[in-house]
C-alpha atoms as a PDB file:
ATOM      1  CA  MET A   1      87.934  97.392 104.666  1.00  0.00           C
ATOM      2  CA  THR A   2      86.558  98.687 101.392  1.00  0.00           C
ATOM      3  CA  ARG A   3      88.707  98.309  98.273  1.00  0.00           C
ATOM      4  CA  VAL A   4      88.022 100.464  95.224  1.00  0.00           C
ATOM      5  CA  ILE A   5      89.096  99.276  91.770  1.00  0.00           C
ATOM      6  CA  ALA A   6      88.873 101.372  88.601  1.00  0.00           C
ATOM      7  CA  THR A   7      88.524  99.738  85.180  1.00  0.00           C
ATOM      8  CA  ILE A   8      90.316 101.808  82.557  1.00  0.00           C
ATOM      9  CA  ASN A   9      91.671 101.717  79.024  1.00  0.00           C
ATOM     10  CA  LEU A  10      92.250 104.522  76.534  1.00  0.00           C
ATOM     11  CA  LYS A  11      90.730 102.377  73.794  1.00  0.00           C
ATOM     12  CA  GLY A  12      87.043 101.538  73.559  1.00  0.00           C
ATOM     13  CA  GLY A  13      85.592  98.190  72.545  1.00  0.00           C
ATOM     14  CA  VAL A  14      87.993  96.091  74.621  1.00  0.00           C
ATOM     15  CA  GLY A  15      85.377  94.570  76.933  1.00  0.00           C
ATOM     16  CA  LYS A  16      85.861  97.054  79.765  1.00  0.00           C
ATOM     17  CA  THR A  17      82.222  97.298  80.783  1.00  0.00           C
ATOM     18  CA  THR A  18      81.460  93.576  80.507  1.00  0.00           C
ATOM     19  CA  THR A  19      84.569  92.825  82.557  1.00  0.00           C
ATOM     20  CA  THR A  20      83.412  95.234  85.267  1.00  0.00           C
ATOM     21  CA  ALA A  21      79.910  93.760  85.392  1.00  0.00           C
ATOM     22  CA  ALA A  22      81.140  90.160  85.456  1.00  0.00           C
ATOM     23  CA  LEU A  23      83.687  90.985  88.125  1.00  0.00           C
ATOM     24  CA  GLY A  24      81.021  92.544  90.337  1.00  0.00           C
ATOM     25  CA  GLU A  25      78.438  89.799  89.881  1.00  0.00           C
ATOM     26  CA  ILE A  26      80.945  86.985  90.412  1.00  0.00           C
ATOM     27  CA  MET A  27      82.434  88.733  93.453  1.00  0.00           C
ATOM     28  CA  SER A  28      78.955  88.754  94.955  1.00  0.00           C
ATOM     29  CA  ALA A  29      77.588  85.382  93.840  1.00  0.00           C
ATOM     30  CA  GLU A  30      80.714  83.252  94.178  1.00  0.00           C
ATOM     31  CA  PHE A  31      82.743  85.039  96.877  1.00  0.00           C
ATOM     32  CA  GLY A  32      80.080  86.671  99.059  1.00  0.00           C
ATOM     33  CA  GLN A  33      81.275  90.237  98.563  1.00  0.00           C
ATOM     34  CA  ARG A  34      79.129  93.375  98.820  1.00  0.00           C
ATOM     35  CA  VAL A  35      79.713  95.335  95.612  1.00  0.00           C
ATOM     36  CA  LEU A  36      78.899  98.811  94.349  1.00  0.00           C
ATOM     37  CA  LEU A  37      79.207  99.410  90.607  1.00  0.00           C
ATOM     38  CA  ILE A  38      79.843 103.019  89.575  1.00  0.00           C
ATOM     39  CA  ASP A  39      79.250 103.858  85.913  1.00  0.00           C
ATOM     40  CA  LEU A  40      81.317 106.941  85.029  1.00  0.00           C
ATOM     41  CA  ASP A  41      81.127 106.398  81.288  1.00  0.00           C
ATOM     42  CA  PRO A  42      78.648 108.768  79.585  1.00  0.00           C
ATOM     43  CA  GLN A  43      77.830 105.968  77.133  1.00  0.00           C
ATOM     44  CA  THR A  44      75.889 104.389  80.067  1.00  0.00           C
ATOM     45  CA  ASN A  45      76.623 100.832  78.900  1.00  0.00           C
ATOM     46  CA  LEU A  46      77.135  99.402  82.391  1.00  0.00           C
ATOM     47  CA  THR A  47      73.966 101.120  83.584  1.00  0.00           C
ATOM     48  CA  THR A  48      71.727  99.789  80.813  1.00  0.00           C
ATOM     49  CA  MET A  49      73.359  96.365  81.076  1.00  0.00           C
ATOM     50  CA  MET A  50      72.326  96.144  84.727  1.00  0.00           C
ATOM     51  CA  ILE A  51      68.944  97.938  84.845  1.00  0.00           C
ATOM     52  CA  GLY A  52      67.807  98.456  81.240  1.00  0.00           C
ATOM     53  CA  GLU A  53      67.039 101.625  79.309  1.00  0.00           C
ATOM     54  CA  LYS A  54      63.532 102.169  80.721  1.00  0.00           C
ATOM     55  CA  ARG A  55      64.643 102.243  84.344  1.00  0.00           C
ATOM     56  CA  TRP A  56      67.659 104.360  83.395  1.00  0.00           C
ATOM     57  CA  GLN A  57      65.410 106.911  81.708  1.00  0.00           C
ATOM     58  CA  THR A  58      63.312 107.172  84.863  1.00  0.00           C
ATOM     59  CA  LEU A  59      66.411 107.733  86.987  1.00  0.00           C
ATOM     60  CA  ASN A  60      67.689 110.331  84.559  1.00  0.00           C
ATOM     61  CA  ASP A  61      64.375 112.201  84.604  1.00  0.00           C
ATOM     62  CA  GLU A  62      64.351 112.138  88.411  1.00  0.00           C
ATOM     63  CA  GLN A  63      67.939 113.465  88.634  1.00  0.00           C
ATOM     64  CA  LEU A  64      69.192 110.290  90.299  1.00  0.00           C
ATOM     65  CA  THR A  65      72.192 109.617  88.069  1.00  0.00           C
ATOM     66  CA  LEU A  66      75.773 110.812  88.405  1.00  0.00           C
ATOM     67  CA  ALA A  67      74.916 113.684  86.063  1.00  0.00           C
ATOM     68  CA  ALA A  68      73.083 115.266  88.999  1.00  0.00           C
ATOM     69  CA  LEU A  69      76.152 114.918  91.214  1.00  0.00           C
ATOM     70  CA  PHE A  70      78.608 116.431  88.753  1.00  0.00           C
ATOM     71  CA  GLY A  71      76.079 118.977  87.508  1.00  0.00           C
ATOM     72  CA  GLU A  72      75.674 120.306  91.044  1.00  0.00           C
ATOM     73  CA  ALA A  73      79.453 120.583  91.321  1.00  0.00           C
ATOM     74  CA  VAL A  74      79.629 122.649  88.126  1.00  0.00           C
ATOM     75  CA  GLU A  75      76.555 124.844  88.655  1.00  0.00           C
ATOM     76  CA  PRO A  76      75.252 124.619  92.239  1.00  0.00           C
ATOM     77  CA  THR A  77      71.479 124.782  92.550  1.00  0.00           C
ATOM     78  CA  GLY A  78      71.285 124.344  96.290  1.00  0.00           C
ATOM     79  CA  THR A  79      69.884 120.822  95.940  1.00  0.00           C
ATOM     80  CA  PRO A  80      72.510 118.426  97.303  1.00  0.00           C
ATOM     81  CA  PHE A  81      72.975 115.060  95.643  1.00  0.00           C
ATOM     82  CA  ASP A  82      71.301 112.325  97.701  1.00  0.00           C
ATOM     83  CA  ILE A  83      73.506 109.280  97.263  1.00  0.00           C
ATOM     84  CA  GLU A  84      71.196 107.032  99.273  1.00  0.00           C
ATOM     85  CA  LYS A  85      68.374 107.679  96.805  1.00  0.00           C
ATOM     86  CA  ALA A  86      70.685 107.473  93.795  1.00  0.00           C
ATOM     87  CA  ILE A  87      72.127 104.063  94.648  1.00  0.00           C
ATOM     88  CA  GLN A  88      70.080 101.348  92.954  1.00  0.00           C
ATOM     89  CA  ARG A  89      69.953  98.263  95.163  1.00  0.00           C
ATOM     90  CA  ASP A  90      70.286  94.621  94.122  1.00  0.00           C
ATOM     91  CA  VAL A  91      70.508  95.350  90.407  1.00  0.00           C
ATOM     92  CA  SER A  92      71.792  91.965  89.247  1.00  0.00           C
ATOM     93  CA  SER A  93      69.383  89.525  87.615  1.00  0.00           C
ATOM     94  CA  ILE A  94      71.576  86.690  88.933  1.00  0.00           C
ATOM     95  CA  ARG A  95      69.754  85.084  91.846  1.00  0.00           C
ATOM     96  CA  ALA A  96      72.947  84.497  93.822  1.00  0.00           C
ATOM     97  CA  ALA A  97      74.314  88.018  93.254  1.00  0.00           C
ATOM     98  CA  ARG A  98      72.040  89.893  95.617  1.00  0.00           C
ATOM     99  CA  ASP A  99      74.651  92.298  96.975  1.00  0.00           C
ATOM    100  CA  VAL A 100      75.356  94.271  93.798  1.00  0.00           C
ATOM    101  CA  ASP A 101      74.298  97.934  93.794  1.00  0.00           C
ATOM    102  CA  LEU A 102      74.715 100.611  91.132  1.00  0.00           C
ATOM    103  CA  LEU A 103      75.339 104.331  90.734  1.00  0.00           C
ATOM    104  CA  ALA A 104      73.986 105.043  87.265  1.00  0.00           C
ATOM    105  CA  SER A 105      75.561 107.117  84.518  1.00  0.00           C
ATOM    106  CA  SER A 106      73.908 109.552  82.118  1.00  0.00           C
ATOM    107  CA  LEU A 107      74.415 110.769  78.581  1.00  0.00           C
ATOM    108  CA  ASP A 108      74.357 114.279  80.076  1.00  0.00           C
ATOM    109  CA  LEU A 109      77.812 113.664  81.537  1.00  0.00           C
ATOM    110  CA  MET A 110      79.314 114.391  78.114  1.00  0.00           C
ATOM    111  CA  GLU A 111      78.567 118.106  78.454  1.00  0.00           C
ATOM    112  CA  ILE A 112      79.006 118.307  82.223  1.00  0.00           C
ATOM    113  CA  GLN A 113      82.576 117.009  81.925  1.00  0.00           C
ATOM    114  CA  GLU A 114      83.478 120.185  80.037  1.00  0.00           C
ATOM    115  CA  GLY A 115      82.413 122.248  83.043  1.00  0.00           C
ATOM    116  CA  LEU A 116      84.653 120.216  85.344  1.00  0.00           C
ATOM    117  CA  SER A 117      87.540 120.720  82.941  1.00  0.00           C
ATOM    118  CA  PHE A 118      86.904 124.478  82.931  1.00  0.00           C
ATOM    119  CA  GLN A 119      87.079 124.499  86.726  1.00  0.00           C
ATOM    120  CA  GLN A 120      90.407 122.694  86.621  1.00  0.00           C
ATOM    121  CA  TYR A 121      91.863 125.076  84.057  1.00  0.00           C
ATOM    122  CA  GLY A 122      90.670 128.009  86.138  1.00  0.00           C
ATOM    123  CA  ASP A 123      92.567 126.744  89.195  1.00  0.00           C
ATOM    124  CA  PRO A 124      95.172 124.177  88.056  1.00  0.00           C
ATOM    125  CA  ASP A 125      96.459 123.527  91.575  1.00  0.00           C
ATOM    126  CA  SER A 126      93.049 122.683  93.010  1.00  0.00           C
ATOM    127  CA  THR A 127      92.056 119.054  93.531  1.00  0.00           C
ATOM    128  CA  ARG A 128      88.381 119.839  94.170  1.00  0.00           C
ATOM    129  CA  PRO A 129      87.190 119.072  90.608  1.00  0.00           C
ATOM    130  CA  VAL A 130      88.594 115.518  90.879  1.00  0.00           C
ATOM    131  CA  GLU A 131      87.215 114.900  94.380  1.00  0.00           C
ATOM    132  CA  VAL A 132      83.509 115.261  93.577  1.00  0.00           C
ATOM    133  CA  LEU A 133      82.906 111.507  93.429  1.00  0.00           C
ATOM    134  CA  LEU A 134      85.089 110.795  96.457  1.00  0.00           C
ATOM    135  CA  ASP A 135      83.179 113.296  98.593  1.00  0.00           C
ATOM    136  CA  ALA A 136      79.833 111.828  97.518  1.00  0.00           C
ATOM    137  CA  VAL A 137      80.749 108.168  98.020  1.00  0.00           C
ATOM    138  CA  THR A 138      82.665 108.491 101.311  1.00  0.00           C
ATOM    139  CA  PRO A 139      79.515 108.256 103.496  1.00  0.00           C
ATOM    140  CA  VAL A 140      78.636 104.831 102.032  1.00  0.00           C
ATOM    141  CA  LEU A 141      82.132 103.353 101.678  1.00  0.00           C
ATOM    142  CA  ASP A 142      81.755 101.062 104.665  1.00  0.00           C
ATOM    143  CA  ASP A 143      78.615  99.501 103.183  1.00  0.00           C
ATOM    144  CA  TYR A 144      80.709  97.630 100.614  1.00  0.00           C
ATOM    145  CA  ASP A 145      83.637  95.253 100.365  1.00  0.00           C
ATOM    146  CA  TYR A 146      84.438  96.344  96.811  1.00  0.00           C
ATOM    147  CA  ILE A 147      83.569  99.343  94.699  1.00  0.00           C
ATOM    148  CA  LEU A 148      84.157  98.919  90.956  1.00  0.00           C
ATOM    149  CA  VAL A 149      84.384 102.070  88.844  1.00  0.00           C
ATOM    150  CA  ASP A 150      83.833 101.775  85.091  1.00  0.00           C
ATOM    151  CA  CYS A 151      85.720 104.736  83.619  1.00  0.00           C
ATOM    152  CA  PRO A 152      85.400 106.341  80.151  1.00  0.00           C
ATOM    153  CA  PRO A 153      88.074 105.472  77.536  1.00  0.00           C
ATOM    154  CA  ASN A 154      90.122 108.595  78.271  1.00  0.00           C
ATOM    155  CA  ILE A 155      91.885 110.376  81.117  1.00  0.00           C
ATOM    156  CA  GLY A 156      89.393 113.222  81.348  1.00  0.00           C
ATOM    157  CA  MET A 157      87.857 114.684  84.486  1.00  0.00           C
ATOM    158  CA  LEU A 158      85.400 111.834  84.990  1.00  0.00           C
ATOM    159  CA  THR A 159      88.158 109.224  84.862  1.00  0.00           C
ATOM    160  CA  CYS A 160      90.261 111.366  87.205  1.00  0.00           C
ATOM    161  CA  ASN A 161      87.351 111.358  89.668  1.00  0.00           C
ATOM    162  CA  GLY A 162      87.259 107.570  89.425  1.00  0.00           C
ATOM    163  CA  LEU A 163      91.004 107.309  89.974  1.00  0.00           C
ATOM    164  CA  ARG A 164      90.855 109.689  92.951  1.00  0.00           C
ATOM    165  CA  LEU A 165      88.404 107.317  94.600  1.00  0.00           C
ATOM    166  CA  ALA A 166      90.297 104.184  93.566  1.00  0.00           C
ATOM    167  CA  ASP A 167      92.945 102.251  95.456  1.00  0.00           C
ATOM    168  CA  GLY A 168      93.937 100.330  92.339  1.00  0.00           C
ATOM    169  CA  TYR A 169      93.076  99.726  88.713  1.00  0.00           C
ATOM    170  CA  ILE A 170      92.812  97.005  86.100  1.00  0.00           C
ATOM    171  CA  ILE A 171      93.306  97.369  82.352  1.00  0.00           C
ATOM    172  CA  PRO A 172      91.132  95.114  80.178  1.00  0.00           C
ATOM    173  CA  THR A 173      92.612  94.754  76.700  1.00  0.00           C
ATOM    174  CA  ILE A 174      92.326  92.673  73.567  1.00  0.00           C
ATOM    175  CA  PRO A 175      95.742  91.068  72.941  1.00  0.00           C
ATOM    176  CA  ASP A 176      96.437  92.820  69.652  1.00  0.00           C
ATOM    177  CA  ILE A 177      98.704  95.660  68.574  1.00  0.00           C
ATOM    178  CA  LEU A 178      96.151  98.463  68.448  1.00  0.00           C
ATOM    179  CA  SER A 179      94.499  97.653  71.782  1.00  0.00           C
ATOM    180  CA  THR A 180      97.758  97.410  73.739  1.00  0.00           C
ATOM    181  CA  TYR A 181      99.619 100.253  72.052  1.00  0.00           C
ATOM    182  CA  GLY A 182      98.706 102.949  74.589  1.00  0.00           C
ATOM    183  CA  ILE A 183      99.121 100.926  77.799  1.00  0.00           C
ATOM    184  CA  PRO A 184     102.534 102.416  78.808  1.00  0.00           C
ATOM    185  CA  GLN A 185     101.151 105.928  78.280  1.00  0.00           C
ATOM    186  CA  LEU A 186      98.101 105.072  80.368  1.00  0.00           C
ATOM    187  CA  GLN A 187     100.279 103.739  83.175  1.00  0.00           C
ATOM    188  CA  SER A 188     102.434 106.875  83.101  1.00  0.00           C
ATOM    189  CA  ARG A 189      99.440 109.182  83.262  1.00  0.00           C
ATOM    190  CA  VAL A 190      97.941 107.309  86.201  1.00  0.00           C
ATOM    191  CA  GLU A 191     101.298 107.443  87.978  1.00  0.00           C
ATOM    192  CA  ARG A 192     101.613 111.200  87.414  1.00  0.00           C
ATOM    193  CA  PHE A 193      98.043 111.787  88.554  1.00  0.00           C
ATOM    194  CA  ALA A 194      98.602 109.734  91.718  1.00  0.00           C
ATOM    195  CA  ALA A 195     101.708 111.783  92.502  1.00  0.00           C
ATOM    196  CA  ARG A 196      99.853 115.029  91.937  1.00  0.00           C
ATOM    197  CA  ILE A 197      97.038 114.180  94.367  1.00  0.00           C
ATOM    198  CA  ASP A 198      99.394 112.373  96.768  1.00  0.00           C
ATOM    199  CA  HIS A 199      97.267 109.226  96.695  1.00  0.00           C
ATOM    200  CA  PRO A 200      98.717 105.814  95.731  1.00  0.00           C
ATOM    201  CA  ILE A 201      96.869 103.974  92.938  1.00  0.00           C
ATOM    202  CA  LYS A 202      98.217 100.461  92.462  1.00  0.00           C
ATOM    203  CA  GLU A 203      98.165  98.579  89.174  1.00  0.00           C
ATOM    204  CA  ILE A 204      96.399  95.305  89.966  1.00  0.00           C
ATOM    205  CA  GLY A 205      96.765  93.726  86.576  1.00  0.00           C
ATOM    206  CA  LEU A 206      96.065  93.619  82.877  1.00  0.00           C
ATOM    207  CA  VAL A 207      93.004  91.543  81.921  1.00  0.00           C
ATOM    208  CA  VAL A 208      93.188  89.803  78.543  1.00  0.00           C
ATOM    209  CA  THR A 209      89.777  89.942  76.855  1.00  0.00           C
ATOM    210  CA  LYS A 210      88.284  88.605  73.608  1.00  0.00           C
ATOM    211  CA  TYR A 211      91.126  86.094  73.387  1.00  0.00           C
ATOM    212  CA  ARG A 212      91.214  83.812  70.348  1.00  0.00           C
ATOM    213  CA  SER A 213      93.319  80.740  70.965  1.00  0.00           C
ATOM    214  CA  ALA A 214      93.704  80.148  67.217  1.00  0.00           C
ATOM    215  CA  SER A 215      95.241  83.588  66.707  1.00  0.00           C
ATOM    216  CA  SER A 216      99.040  83.626  66.529  1.00  0.00           C
ATOM    217  CA  VAL A 217      98.888  87.415  66.979  1.00  0.00           C
ATOM    218  CA  HIS A 218      97.013  87.044  70.249  1.00  0.00           C
ATOM    219  CA  ARG A 219      99.455  84.465  71.568  1.00  0.00           C
ATOM    220  CA  SER A 220     102.448  86.547  70.504  1.00  0.00           C
ATOM    221  CA  VAL A 221     101.130  89.762  72.057  1.00  0.00           C
ATOM    222  CA  ILE A 222     100.379  88.020  75.357  1.00  0.00           C
ATOM    223  CA  GLU A 223     103.942  86.696  75.464  1.00  0.00           C
ATOM    224  CA  GLN A 224     105.248  90.210  74.843  1.00  0.00           C
ATOM    225  CA  LEU A 225     103.056  91.624  77.611  1.00  0.00           C
ATOM    226  CA  GLN A 226     104.235  88.960  80.051  1.00  0.00           C
ATOM    227  CA  ARG A 227     107.865  89.858  79.308  1.00  0.00           C
ATOM    228  CA  ASP A 228     107.299  93.609  79.516  1.00  0.00           C
ATOM    229  CA  ASP A 229     108.782  94.938  82.764  1.00  0.00           C
ATOM    230  CA  ARG A 230     106.392  97.894  82.624  1.00  0.00           C
ATOM    231  CA  ILE A 231     103.370  95.587  83.068  1.00  0.00           C
ATOM    232  CA  ALA A 232     102.974  94.765  86.734  1.00  0.00           C
ATOM    233  CA  ASN A 233     100.903  91.660  86.167  1.00  0.00           C
ATOM    234  CA  VAL A 234      99.061  89.929  83.330  1.00  0.00           C
ATOM    235  CA  ILE A 235      96.091  88.174  84.923  1.00  0.00           C
ATOM    236  CA  PRO A 236      96.612  84.513  83.893  1.00  0.00           C
ATOM    237  CA  SER A 237      92.917  83.881  83.194  1.00  0.00           C
ATOM    238  CA  TRP A 238      92.362  84.968  79.586  1.00  0.00           C
ATOM    239  CA  ILE A 239      88.751  85.758  78.742  1.00  0.00           C
ATOM    240  CA  PRO A 240      87.765  84.126  75.426  1.00  0.00           C
ATOM    241  CA  GLU A 241      86.002  85.889  72.601  1.00  0.00           C
ATOM    242  CA  ALA A 242      82.496  84.450  72.731  1.00  0.00           C
ATOM    243  CA  ASN A 243      79.002  85.378  71.634  1.00  0.00           C
ATOM    244  CA  GLN A 244      77.691  84.523  75.097  1.00  0.00           C
ATOM    245  CA  ILE A 245      79.968  87.053  76.782  1.00  0.00           C
ATOM    246  CA  ALA A 246      79.188  89.716  74.205  1.00  0.00           C
ATOM    247  CA  GLY A 247      75.480  88.981  74.589  1.00  0.00           C
ATOM    248  CA  ALA A 248      75.702  89.503  78.352  1.00  0.00           C
ATOM    249  CA  ALA A 249      75.628  93.249  77.672  1.00  0.00           C
ATOM    250  CA  GLU A 250      71.920  92.968  76.818  1.00  0.00           C
ATOM    251  CA  PHE A 251      69.539  93.568  79.723  1.00  0.00           C
ATOM    252  CA  LEU A 252      67.848  90.208  80.296  1.00  0.00           C
ATOM    253  CA  GLU A 253      66.768  87.968  83.169  1.00  0.00           C
ATOM    254  CA  HIS A 254      69.566  85.389  83.199  1.00  0.00           C
ATOM    255  CA  ARG A 255      69.117  83.865  86.669  1.00  0.00           C
ATOM    256  CA  THR A 256      72.503  82.093  86.693  1.00  0.00           C
ATOM    257  CA  LEU A 257      76.030  83.216  85.898  1.00  0.00           C
ATOM    258  CA  ARG A 258      76.554  80.374  83.427  1.00  0.00           C
ATOM    259  CA  ARG A 259      73.425  81.272  81.497  1.00  0.00           C
ATOM    260  CA  LYS A 260      74.515  84.902  81.338  1.00  0.00           C
ATOM    261  CA  TYR A 261      78.209  84.543  80.466  1.00  0.00           C
ATOM    262  CA  GLY A 262      78.437  81.085  78.896  1.00  0.00           C
ATOM    263  CA  SER A 263      78.525  77.497  80.092  1.00  0.00           C
ATOM    264  CA  THR A 264      81.300  76.099  77.884  1.00  0.00           C
ATOM    265  CA  GLY A 265      84.290  77.550  79.688  1.00  0.00           C
ATOM    266  CA  GLN A 266      83.443  81.254  79.523  1.00  0.00           C
ATOM    267  CA  PHE A 267      82.075  81.544  83.058  1.00  0.00           C
ATOM    268  CA  GLU A 268      84.957  79.489  84.415  1.00  0.00           C
ATOM    269  CA  ALA A 269      87.479  81.884  82.826  1.00  0.00           C
ATOM    270  CA  LEU A 270      85.656  84.879  84.289  1.00  0.00           C
ATOM    271  CA  ARG A 271      85.511  83.246  87.716  1.00  0.00           C
ATOM    272  CA  MET A 272      89.248  82.528  87.637  1.00  0.00           C
ATOM    273  CA  MET A 273      89.869  86.140  86.601  1.00  0.00           C
ATOM    274  CA  THR A 274      87.783  87.348  89.533  1.00  0.00           C
ATOM    275  CA  GLU A 275      89.616  85.102  91.979  1.00  0.00           C
ATOM    276  CA  ASP A 276      92.990  86.345  90.689  1.00  0.00           C
ATOM    277  CA  ILE A 277      91.920  89.988  91.014  1.00  0.00           C
ATOM    278  CA  LEU A 278      90.556  89.409  94.533  1.00  0.00           C
ATOM    279  CA  THR A 279      93.841  87.786  95.559  1.00  0.00           C
ATOM    280  CA  ASN A 280      95.933  90.584  94.074  1.00  0.00           C
ATOM    281  CA  ALA A 281      93.708  93.274  95.565  1.00  0.00           C
ATOM    282  CA  GLN A 282      93.982  91.784  99.050  1.00  0.00           C
ATOM    283  CA  VAL A 283      97.767  91.843  98.744  1.00  0.00           C
ATOM    284  CA  LEU A 284      98.228  95.211  97.059  1.00  0.00           C
ATOM    285  CA  LEU A 285      95.416  97.387  98.355  1.00  0.00           C
END
């Protein structure tokens, strides 16, 4: 059974992409899961983190990114998107994470998203504009145990496509006032969208990122989140703010998870987070 998890937050800079990458690589290396990463964010950070800018540029030139998929949906050219060619196999530099594949993003998605939005406004009752990704990925669903979708920091048409595919979602957030301010609104919008498309999307949990143990604000905000009845679950493994984790976004040959994410407690926190999310996903999804 394939489980699809979207990573979303309305605020950028909260560690969303790094969380998605770490989750996928640790799922594969430590828990033996087959993982597909889908980069829906036009900033392409997950893509360049996994395969580097040079390989991304080649894919973009050859029309093998998600821009080709959504572009065909907006202005059909008669050339169907070939998902088997587009999927990049074994993209992790971690030796043990050999079952991590990628569907790459593109900067061109910024403009293409406007075309999807125009389609939706033209026929508000239609669900076709938000089912483009679902239709493309369905033939390969059974190839994976988990599909992780890195969504843009908004609830635009690309994020809606990610949510339409997803069974559940996680919300990475820094435990401060500005980063957590919009979480109830995000939850409400996901709930309304799920009702509209008649497809349940479960909240798996809120992932605390860039945590500073010396910060009284961070500790106070986490306590507030844990008491908030609107938050389904605060994942108990808090990811520390660390140069090693931030540096993992650079495309390098790391070989081991500890070398990539940090060997002084950072990897252990990420592994515990992954185990918690796997447990919750198996129960909820």
